N, C-alpha and C. Protein backbone atom coordinates (compact mmCIF):
# COMPACT_ATOMS: atom_id res chain seq x y z
N MET A 1 31.81 44.12 37.73
CA MET A 1 30.83 45.19 38.20
C MET A 1 31.50 46.53 38.21
N LYS A 2 30.77 47.54 37.87
CA LYS A 2 31.41 48.92 38.00
C LYS A 2 31.39 49.23 39.43
N ASN A 3 32.03 50.40 39.69
CA ASN A 3 32.11 50.93 41.07
C ASN A 3 30.72 51.59 41.39
N ILE A 4 30.44 51.61 42.67
CA ILE A 4 29.34 52.34 43.27
C ILE A 4 29.78 53.48 44.03
N ILE A 5 29.40 54.69 43.65
CA ILE A 5 29.84 55.88 44.35
C ILE A 5 28.71 56.40 45.14
N LEU A 6 28.84 56.50 46.55
CA LEU A 6 27.82 56.98 47.46
C LEU A 6 28.09 58.58 47.64
N VAL A 7 26.99 59.35 47.52
CA VAL A 7 27.03 60.69 47.83
C VAL A 7 25.85 61.09 48.78
N GLY A 8 26.02 62.10 49.48
CA GLY A 8 24.91 62.56 50.40
C GLY A 8 25.51 63.34 51.57
N MET A 9 24.56 63.89 52.29
CA MET A 9 24.87 64.77 53.42
C MET A 9 25.69 63.95 54.51
N PRO A 10 26.53 64.73 55.23
CA PRO A 10 27.07 64.07 56.39
C PRO A 10 26.01 63.58 57.28
N GLY A 11 26.15 62.43 57.71
CA GLY A 11 25.21 61.65 58.62
C GLY A 11 24.12 60.91 57.96
N CYS A 12 24.12 60.78 56.51
CA CYS A 12 23.20 60.12 55.86
C CYS A 12 23.55 58.62 55.86
N GLY A 13 24.86 58.17 56.18
CA GLY A 13 25.16 56.78 56.30
C GLY A 13 26.09 56.19 55.26
N LYS A 14 26.81 57.10 54.35
CA LYS A 14 27.62 56.68 53.37
C LYS A 14 28.55 55.70 53.80
N SER A 15 29.36 55.97 54.80
CA SER A 15 30.48 55.03 55.26
C SER A 15 29.89 53.80 55.78
N THR A 16 28.83 53.91 56.52
CA THR A 16 28.17 52.64 57.19
C THR A 16 27.51 51.72 56.04
N VAL A 17 26.77 52.36 55.21
CA VAL A 17 26.10 51.71 54.14
C VAL A 17 27.20 51.09 53.15
N GLY A 18 28.22 51.96 52.88
CA GLY A 18 29.25 51.49 52.13
C GLY A 18 29.94 50.19 52.40
N VAL A 19 30.25 50.02 53.76
CA VAL A 19 30.91 48.78 54.28
C VAL A 19 30.03 47.77 54.09
N VAL A 20 28.76 47.85 54.52
CA VAL A 20 27.78 46.76 54.32
C VAL A 20 27.56 46.38 52.95
N LEU A 21 27.41 47.42 52.13
CA LEU A 21 27.19 47.04 50.69
C LEU A 21 28.36 46.34 50.02
N ALA A 22 29.58 46.84 50.38
CA ALA A 22 30.79 46.06 49.85
C ALA A 22 30.75 44.63 50.21
N LYS A 23 30.51 44.36 51.54
CA LYS A 23 30.56 43.03 52.11
C LYS A 23 29.45 42.28 51.35
N THR A 24 28.33 42.78 51.26
CA THR A 24 27.13 42.09 50.69
C THR A 24 27.41 41.75 49.16
N LEU A 25 28.12 42.54 48.40
CA LEU A 25 28.32 42.33 46.86
C LEU A 25 29.67 41.84 46.74
N GLY A 26 30.45 41.60 47.68
CA GLY A 26 31.87 41.04 47.57
C GLY A 26 32.72 42.18 46.85
N MET A 27 32.56 43.33 47.17
CA MET A 27 33.36 44.37 46.49
C MET A 27 34.42 44.90 47.55
N GLN A 28 35.28 45.77 46.97
CA GLN A 28 36.14 46.51 47.91
C GLN A 28 35.49 47.73 48.39
N PHE A 29 36.11 48.45 49.42
CA PHE A 29 35.52 49.59 50.00
C PHE A 29 36.54 50.76 49.98
N VAL A 30 36.23 51.85 49.79
CA VAL A 30 37.07 53.01 49.90
C VAL A 30 36.27 54.23 50.48
N ASP A 31 36.91 54.94 51.38
CA ASP A 31 36.16 56.12 52.02
C ASP A 31 37.06 57.15 51.80
N THR A 32 36.70 58.19 50.96
CA THR A 32 37.55 59.36 50.55
C THR A 32 37.87 60.19 51.72
N ASP A 33 37.07 60.19 52.81
CA ASP A 33 37.41 61.04 53.95
C ASP A 33 38.68 60.38 54.65
N LEU A 34 38.76 59.16 54.59
CA LEU A 34 39.88 58.60 55.19
C LEU A 34 41.16 58.75 54.40
N ILE A 35 41.03 58.87 53.07
CA ILE A 35 42.18 59.16 52.24
C ILE A 35 42.69 60.60 52.59
N ILE A 36 41.73 61.51 52.83
CA ILE A 36 42.09 62.85 53.05
C ILE A 36 42.87 62.81 54.52
N GLN A 37 42.35 62.13 55.39
CA GLN A 37 43.05 62.03 56.76
C GLN A 37 44.50 61.44 56.65
N ARG A 38 44.50 60.32 55.82
CA ARG A 38 45.80 59.61 55.72
C ARG A 38 46.86 60.60 54.95
N ASN A 39 46.40 61.14 53.92
CA ASN A 39 47.28 62.08 53.19
C ASN A 39 47.73 63.24 53.93
N ASN A 40 46.90 63.81 54.84
CA ASN A 40 47.22 65.07 55.54
C ASN A 40 47.52 64.75 57.14
N HIS A 41 47.59 63.56 57.51
CA HIS A 41 47.97 63.24 58.80
C HIS A 41 47.18 63.94 59.92
N ASP A 42 45.93 64.09 59.62
CA ASP A 42 45.13 64.74 60.73
C ASP A 42 43.67 64.32 60.47
N VAL A 43 42.81 64.70 61.41
CA VAL A 43 41.31 64.39 61.25
C VAL A 43 40.72 65.51 60.47
N LEU A 44 39.62 65.31 59.89
CA LEU A 44 38.96 66.26 59.05
C LEU A 44 38.68 67.61 59.70
N TRP A 45 38.06 67.64 60.92
CA TRP A 45 37.81 69.03 61.44
C TRP A 45 39.05 69.75 61.79
N HIS A 46 40.18 69.16 62.10
CA HIS A 46 41.39 69.73 62.47
C HIS A 46 41.89 70.40 61.04
N LEU A 47 41.77 69.65 60.07
CA LEU A 47 42.19 70.20 58.67
C LEU A 47 41.32 71.41 58.31
N ILE A 48 39.97 71.39 58.52
CA ILE A 48 39.14 72.46 58.14
C ILE A 48 39.50 73.68 58.98
N ASP A 49 39.76 73.45 60.26
CA ASP A 49 40.06 74.60 61.18
C ASP A 49 41.40 75.19 60.81
N ARG A 50 42.38 74.38 60.49
CA ARG A 50 43.79 74.86 60.17
C ARG A 50 43.91 75.55 58.81
N PHE A 51 43.31 75.00 57.75
CA PHE A 51 43.48 75.40 56.45
C PHE A 51 42.27 76.13 55.84
N GLY A 52 41.18 75.94 56.42
CA GLY A 52 39.96 76.63 55.90
C GLY A 52 39.15 75.72 54.94
N VAL A 53 37.97 76.13 54.52
CA VAL A 53 37.08 75.34 53.65
C VAL A 53 37.61 75.12 52.28
N LYS A 54 38.12 76.26 51.75
CA LYS A 54 38.58 76.19 50.28
C LYS A 54 39.86 75.21 50.22
N ARG A 55 40.75 75.34 51.05
CA ARG A 55 41.86 74.44 50.98
C ARG A 55 41.41 72.95 51.28
N PHE A 56 40.50 72.85 52.22
CA PHE A 56 39.96 71.59 52.42
C PHE A 56 39.26 70.80 51.14
N GLU A 57 38.56 71.73 50.43
CA GLU A 57 38.05 71.31 49.25
C GLU A 57 39.11 70.80 48.15
N GLU A 58 40.21 71.49 48.24
CA GLU A 58 41.37 71.04 47.46
C GLU A 58 41.88 69.59 47.84
N PHE A 59 41.94 69.41 49.20
CA PHE A 59 42.32 68.06 49.60
C PHE A 59 41.25 67.08 49.20
N GLU A 60 40.09 67.51 49.19
CA GLU A 60 38.95 66.52 48.82
C GLU A 60 39.08 66.13 47.30
N GLU A 61 39.32 67.14 46.53
CA GLU A 61 39.50 66.95 45.05
C GLU A 61 40.69 65.97 44.81
N GLU A 62 41.84 66.24 45.56
CA GLU A 62 42.89 65.31 45.46
C GLU A 62 42.56 63.96 45.83
N ALA A 63 41.84 63.77 46.82
CA ALA A 63 41.40 62.39 47.36
C ALA A 63 40.57 61.75 46.21
N LEU A 64 39.68 62.41 45.77
CA LEU A 64 38.73 61.84 44.72
C LEU A 64 39.52 61.37 43.46
N LEU A 65 40.48 62.31 43.01
CA LEU A 65 41.21 61.89 41.88
C LEU A 65 42.35 60.85 42.19
N SER A 66 42.61 60.71 43.53
CA SER A 66 43.60 59.59 43.73
C SER A 66 43.00 58.22 43.91
N VAL A 67 41.73 58.06 43.87
CA VAL A 67 41.02 56.83 43.95
C VAL A 67 41.57 55.97 42.77
N PRO A 68 42.10 54.73 42.94
CA PRO A 68 42.75 54.07 41.81
C PRO A 68 41.62 53.75 40.90
N GLU A 69 42.05 53.71 39.58
CA GLU A 69 41.15 53.25 38.49
C GLU A 69 40.90 51.82 38.73
N THR A 70 39.73 51.53 39.12
CA THR A 70 39.38 50.13 39.52
C THR A 70 38.06 49.85 39.32
N SER A 71 37.58 48.66 39.48
CA SER A 71 36.15 48.28 39.44
C SER A 71 35.82 47.46 40.60
N ASP A 72 34.60 47.14 40.83
CA ASP A 72 34.13 46.38 41.92
C ASP A 72 34.50 47.12 43.33
N THR A 73 34.33 48.34 43.38
CA THR A 73 34.63 49.08 44.53
C THR A 73 33.46 49.90 44.96
N VAL A 74 33.11 49.99 46.21
CA VAL A 74 32.07 51.00 46.68
C VAL A 74 32.91 52.13 47.28
N ILE A 75 32.64 53.26 46.86
CA ILE A 75 33.33 54.47 47.21
C ILE A 75 32.42 55.37 47.97
N ALA A 76 32.78 55.67 49.30
CA ALA A 76 31.93 56.59 50.06
C ALA A 76 32.78 57.88 50.00
N THR A 77 31.92 58.98 49.39
CA THR A 77 32.65 60.25 49.40
C THR A 77 32.34 61.01 50.48
N GLY A 78 33.06 62.09 50.75
CA GLY A 78 32.70 63.12 51.70
C GLY A 78 31.51 63.95 51.41
N GLY A 79 30.87 64.46 52.35
CA GLY A 79 29.65 65.27 52.01
C GLY A 79 29.76 66.48 51.03
N SER A 80 30.95 66.97 51.12
CA SER A 80 31.26 68.12 50.11
C SER A 80 31.85 67.80 48.86
N ALA A 81 32.05 66.48 48.55
CA ALA A 81 32.79 66.00 47.48
C ALA A 81 32.10 66.47 46.14
N VAL A 82 30.83 66.72 46.19
CA VAL A 82 29.93 67.05 44.97
C VAL A 82 30.36 68.58 44.63
N PHE A 83 31.10 69.29 45.35
CA PHE A 83 31.55 70.52 44.95
C PHE A 83 32.88 70.37 44.02
N CYS A 84 33.43 69.14 44.13
CA CYS A 84 34.64 68.97 43.34
C CYS A 84 34.41 68.35 41.95
N GLU A 85 34.01 69.32 40.97
CA GLU A 85 33.55 68.83 39.69
C GLU A 85 34.40 67.86 38.93
N ARG A 86 35.73 68.20 38.89
CA ARG A 86 36.74 67.28 38.25
C ARG A 86 36.85 65.93 38.96
N GLY A 87 36.79 65.88 40.26
CA GLY A 87 36.85 64.64 41.04
C GLY A 87 35.60 63.82 40.76
N MET A 88 34.40 64.48 40.88
CA MET A 88 33.18 63.73 40.71
C MET A 88 33.03 63.14 39.27
N ASN A 89 33.53 63.93 38.29
CA ASN A 89 33.38 63.38 36.88
C ASN A 89 34.31 62.20 36.64
N PHE A 90 35.44 62.33 37.37
CA PHE A 90 36.44 61.27 37.36
C PHE A 90 35.82 59.96 37.88
N LEU A 91 35.16 60.08 39.02
CA LEU A 91 34.57 58.90 39.78
C LEU A 91 33.33 58.38 38.87
N LYS A 92 32.57 59.33 38.29
CA LYS A 92 31.36 58.86 37.57
C LYS A 92 31.77 58.08 36.30
N GLN A 93 32.96 58.36 35.85
CA GLN A 93 33.36 57.61 34.70
C GLN A 93 33.57 56.01 34.94
N THR A 94 33.73 55.80 36.29
CA THR A 94 33.97 54.42 36.69
C THR A 94 32.78 53.62 37.19
N GLY A 95 31.68 54.40 37.48
CA GLY A 95 30.58 53.61 38.03
C GLY A 95 29.26 54.37 38.13
N ILE A 96 28.48 53.86 39.06
CA ILE A 96 27.15 54.48 39.21
C ILE A 96 27.13 55.24 40.56
N CYS A 97 26.56 56.47 40.40
CA CYS A 97 26.47 57.38 41.56
C CYS A 97 25.13 57.16 42.36
N VAL A 98 25.22 56.90 43.60
CA VAL A 98 24.04 56.79 44.32
C VAL A 98 23.90 57.73 45.42
N TYR A 99 22.79 58.45 45.39
CA TYR A 99 22.53 59.62 46.42
C TYR A 99 21.71 59.02 47.52
N LEU A 100 22.18 59.01 48.69
CA LEU A 100 21.48 58.44 49.98
C LEU A 100 20.92 59.79 50.61
N ASP A 101 19.53 59.98 50.19
CA ASP A 101 18.75 61.11 50.70
C ASP A 101 18.18 60.79 52.05
N VAL A 102 18.45 61.75 53.01
CA VAL A 102 17.92 61.81 54.28
C VAL A 102 17.29 63.10 54.53
N PRO A 103 16.15 63.26 55.04
CA PRO A 103 15.54 64.59 55.33
C PRO A 103 16.29 65.46 56.31
N CYS A 104 16.32 66.72 56.08
CA CYS A 104 17.17 67.61 56.93
C CYS A 104 16.80 67.45 58.54
N ASP A 105 15.58 67.21 58.80
CA ASP A 105 15.33 67.24 60.28
C ASP A 105 15.95 65.91 60.80
N GLU A 106 16.05 64.74 60.11
CA GLU A 106 16.59 63.57 60.55
C GLU A 106 18.12 63.81 60.70
N LEU A 107 18.73 64.55 59.69
CA LEU A 107 20.17 64.77 59.89
C LEU A 107 20.54 65.59 61.01
N LYS A 108 19.70 66.64 61.36
CA LYS A 108 19.84 67.52 62.48
C LYS A 108 19.86 66.67 63.83
N ARG A 109 19.02 65.50 63.85
CA ARG A 109 18.94 64.62 64.89
C ARG A 109 20.21 63.87 65.01
N ARG A 110 20.77 63.42 63.94
CA ARG A 110 21.90 62.49 63.85
C ARG A 110 23.27 63.27 64.15
N LEU A 111 23.30 64.53 63.68
CA LEU A 111 24.55 65.22 63.86
C LEU A 111 24.57 66.17 65.12
N ASN A 112 25.24 65.71 66.11
CA ASN A 112 25.24 66.40 67.29
C ASN A 112 26.13 67.57 67.28
N ASN A 113 27.28 67.50 66.71
CA ASN A 113 28.20 68.64 66.65
C ASN A 113 28.84 68.69 65.37
N ILE A 114 28.36 69.75 64.53
CA ILE A 114 28.79 69.76 63.15
C ILE A 114 30.36 70.21 63.06
N ARG A 115 30.80 70.81 64.07
CA ARG A 115 32.22 71.31 64.11
C ARG A 115 33.17 70.11 64.26
N THR A 116 32.98 69.20 65.12
CA THR A 116 33.89 68.13 65.28
C THR A 116 33.57 67.07 64.32
N ARG A 117 32.57 67.11 63.61
CA ARG A 117 32.19 66.07 62.58
C ARG A 117 33.14 66.14 61.40
N GLY A 118 33.60 67.41 61.18
CA GLY A 118 34.44 67.63 59.99
C GLY A 118 33.70 67.95 58.79
N ILE A 119 32.71 68.93 58.93
CA ILE A 119 31.82 69.30 57.83
C ILE A 119 32.38 70.62 57.15
N ALA A 120 32.77 70.53 55.88
CA ALA A 120 33.25 71.64 55.22
C ALA A 120 32.17 72.68 54.85
N ALA A 121 32.01 73.69 55.68
CA ALA A 121 31.11 74.83 55.54
C ALA A 121 31.56 75.99 56.02
N ALA A 122 31.07 77.14 55.44
CA ALA A 122 31.37 78.41 56.02
C ALA A 122 30.99 78.71 57.41
N LYS A 123 31.74 79.35 58.28
CA LYS A 123 31.34 79.55 59.59
C LYS A 123 29.94 80.26 59.56
N GLY A 124 29.24 79.66 60.63
CA GLY A 124 27.86 80.20 60.88
C GLY A 124 26.76 79.51 60.11
N MET A 125 27.24 78.54 59.21
CA MET A 125 26.34 77.88 58.37
C MET A 125 25.53 76.83 59.29
N THR A 126 24.17 76.67 59.18
CA THR A 126 23.52 75.67 59.89
C THR A 126 23.46 74.39 58.98
N ILE A 127 22.94 73.35 59.69
CA ILE A 127 22.65 72.16 58.88
C ILE A 127 21.59 72.43 57.80
N ASP A 128 20.60 73.22 58.05
CA ASP A 128 19.60 73.69 57.07
C ASP A 128 20.31 74.31 55.88
N ASP A 129 21.22 75.29 56.18
CA ASP A 129 21.90 75.94 55.10
C ASP A 129 22.72 74.97 54.23
N ILE A 130 23.46 74.07 54.94
CA ILE A 130 24.30 73.13 54.23
C ILE A 130 23.42 72.24 53.42
N PHE A 131 22.32 71.81 53.88
CA PHE A 131 21.50 70.94 53.19
C PHE A 131 20.85 71.68 51.95
N ALA A 132 20.54 72.95 52.01
CA ALA A 132 19.92 73.60 50.95
C ALA A 132 21.04 73.93 49.86
N GLU A 133 22.21 74.12 50.27
CA GLU A 133 23.25 74.44 49.33
C GLU A 133 23.79 73.13 48.59
N ARG A 134 23.80 71.88 49.19
CA ARG A 134 24.30 70.82 48.69
C ARG A 134 23.35 69.94 47.96
N SER A 135 22.09 69.94 48.33
CA SER A 135 21.08 69.04 47.76
C SER A 135 20.98 69.06 46.22
N PRO A 136 21.03 70.26 45.63
CA PRO A 136 20.99 70.21 44.12
C PRO A 136 22.24 69.59 43.46
N TYR A 137 23.45 69.60 44.18
CA TYR A 137 24.64 68.95 43.68
C TYR A 137 24.40 67.36 43.68
N TYR A 138 23.90 66.91 44.96
CA TYR A 138 23.65 65.55 45.02
C TYR A 138 22.76 64.99 43.82
N GLU A 139 21.73 65.77 43.67
CA GLU A 139 20.69 65.44 42.54
C GLU A 139 21.40 65.37 41.25
N LYS A 140 22.28 66.38 40.96
CA LYS A 140 22.95 66.48 39.71
C LYS A 140 23.81 65.34 39.36
N TYR A 141 24.54 64.86 40.36
CA TYR A 141 25.47 63.62 40.08
C TYR A 141 24.81 62.28 40.23
N ALA A 142 23.58 62.26 40.87
CA ALA A 142 23.01 60.94 41.10
C ALA A 142 22.54 60.19 39.81
N ASP A 143 22.78 59.02 39.78
CA ASP A 143 22.13 58.15 38.67
C ASP A 143 20.94 57.42 39.41
N ILE A 144 21.15 57.27 40.67
CA ILE A 144 20.14 56.59 41.53
C ILE A 144 19.89 57.26 42.83
N LYS A 145 18.67 57.57 43.18
CA LYS A 145 18.42 58.16 44.51
C LYS A 145 17.73 57.20 45.47
N ILE A 146 18.18 57.12 46.66
CA ILE A 146 17.59 56.19 47.67
C ILE A 146 17.11 57.15 48.73
N GLU A 147 15.74 57.12 48.96
CA GLU A 147 15.19 57.90 50.17
C GLU A 147 15.30 56.90 51.29
N CYS A 148 16.09 57.28 52.18
CA CYS A 148 16.62 56.35 53.31
C CYS A 148 15.79 56.47 54.63
N MET A 149 14.95 57.52 54.75
CA MET A 149 14.20 57.61 55.96
C MET A 149 13.39 56.39 56.29
N GLY A 150 13.58 56.04 57.54
CA GLY A 150 12.74 54.85 58.09
C GLY A 150 13.26 53.52 57.53
N LEU A 151 14.48 53.51 56.89
CA LEU A 151 14.90 52.26 56.34
C LEU A 151 16.15 51.80 57.19
N HIS A 152 16.29 50.66 57.46
CA HIS A 152 17.50 50.12 58.15
C HIS A 152 18.64 49.82 57.02
N ILE A 153 19.94 49.78 57.49
CA ILE A 153 21.08 49.62 56.59
C ILE A 153 20.90 48.47 55.65
N GLU A 154 20.33 47.34 56.19
CA GLU A 154 20.14 46.26 55.21
C GLU A 154 19.07 46.57 54.15
N ASP A 155 18.14 47.29 54.44
CA ASP A 155 17.09 47.67 53.49
C ASP A 155 17.75 48.56 52.34
N ILE A 156 18.47 49.48 52.86
CA ILE A 156 19.18 50.49 51.84
C ILE A 156 20.11 49.72 51.00
N THR A 157 20.97 48.79 51.68
CA THR A 157 21.83 47.98 50.80
C THR A 157 21.13 47.09 49.82
N GLU A 158 20.08 46.49 50.14
CA GLU A 158 19.29 45.70 49.26
C GLU A 158 18.72 46.58 48.09
N MET A 159 18.12 47.72 48.41
CA MET A 159 17.75 48.59 47.30
C MET A 159 18.80 48.99 46.34
N ILE A 160 19.91 49.34 46.94
CA ILE A 160 21.08 49.64 46.10
C ILE A 160 21.50 48.47 45.11
N ALA A 161 21.65 47.36 45.72
CA ALA A 161 22.09 46.27 45.00
C ALA A 161 21.03 45.82 43.92
N GLN A 162 19.85 46.01 44.15
CA GLN A 162 18.66 45.70 43.20
C GLN A 162 18.79 46.75 42.10
N LYS A 163 18.86 48.01 42.33
CA LYS A 163 18.97 49.09 41.36
C LYS A 163 20.17 49.09 40.60
N VAL A 164 21.27 48.73 41.18
CA VAL A 164 22.54 48.64 40.37
C VAL A 164 22.48 47.48 39.51
N GLY A 165 21.97 46.40 39.92
CA GLY A 165 21.85 45.19 39.09
C GLY A 165 20.90 45.31 38.02
N ASP A 166 19.96 46.19 37.97
CA ASP A 166 18.95 46.45 36.95
C ASP A 166 19.67 46.78 35.58
């Protein structure tokens, strides 16, 4: 089976769905945010504070490009990974890209503190701003779009498994 690459806004469930999906399909799981943290020996929000958004995006590109050329892996990307064209094109060569779409109002409910969440965004940007900026990129890279509002993790996992299997 090819890889399954998950994209979407912070708080949409990429990491959580990714783990459950990998277990369900008997696949490996990789979270590129964890690669960034491991490579840079710090948590995301500290890296953003210390180095700024532009440098963080370079860390993110490095993480995407460092994912081993493999198959049978669910890859949860960071919310801003879609700004890394080279990295996203690299990942898309290995599999199917799934956009986990969650409405902005629901994301605002889920994201209590965007600063400590490690969201790469210019100072002063709101969740609405981030959503508006990123949504076209998620659409651009998506082979499959899952509208997640009102669905449980198991439902989302089942939908992905069905669509990827088609």
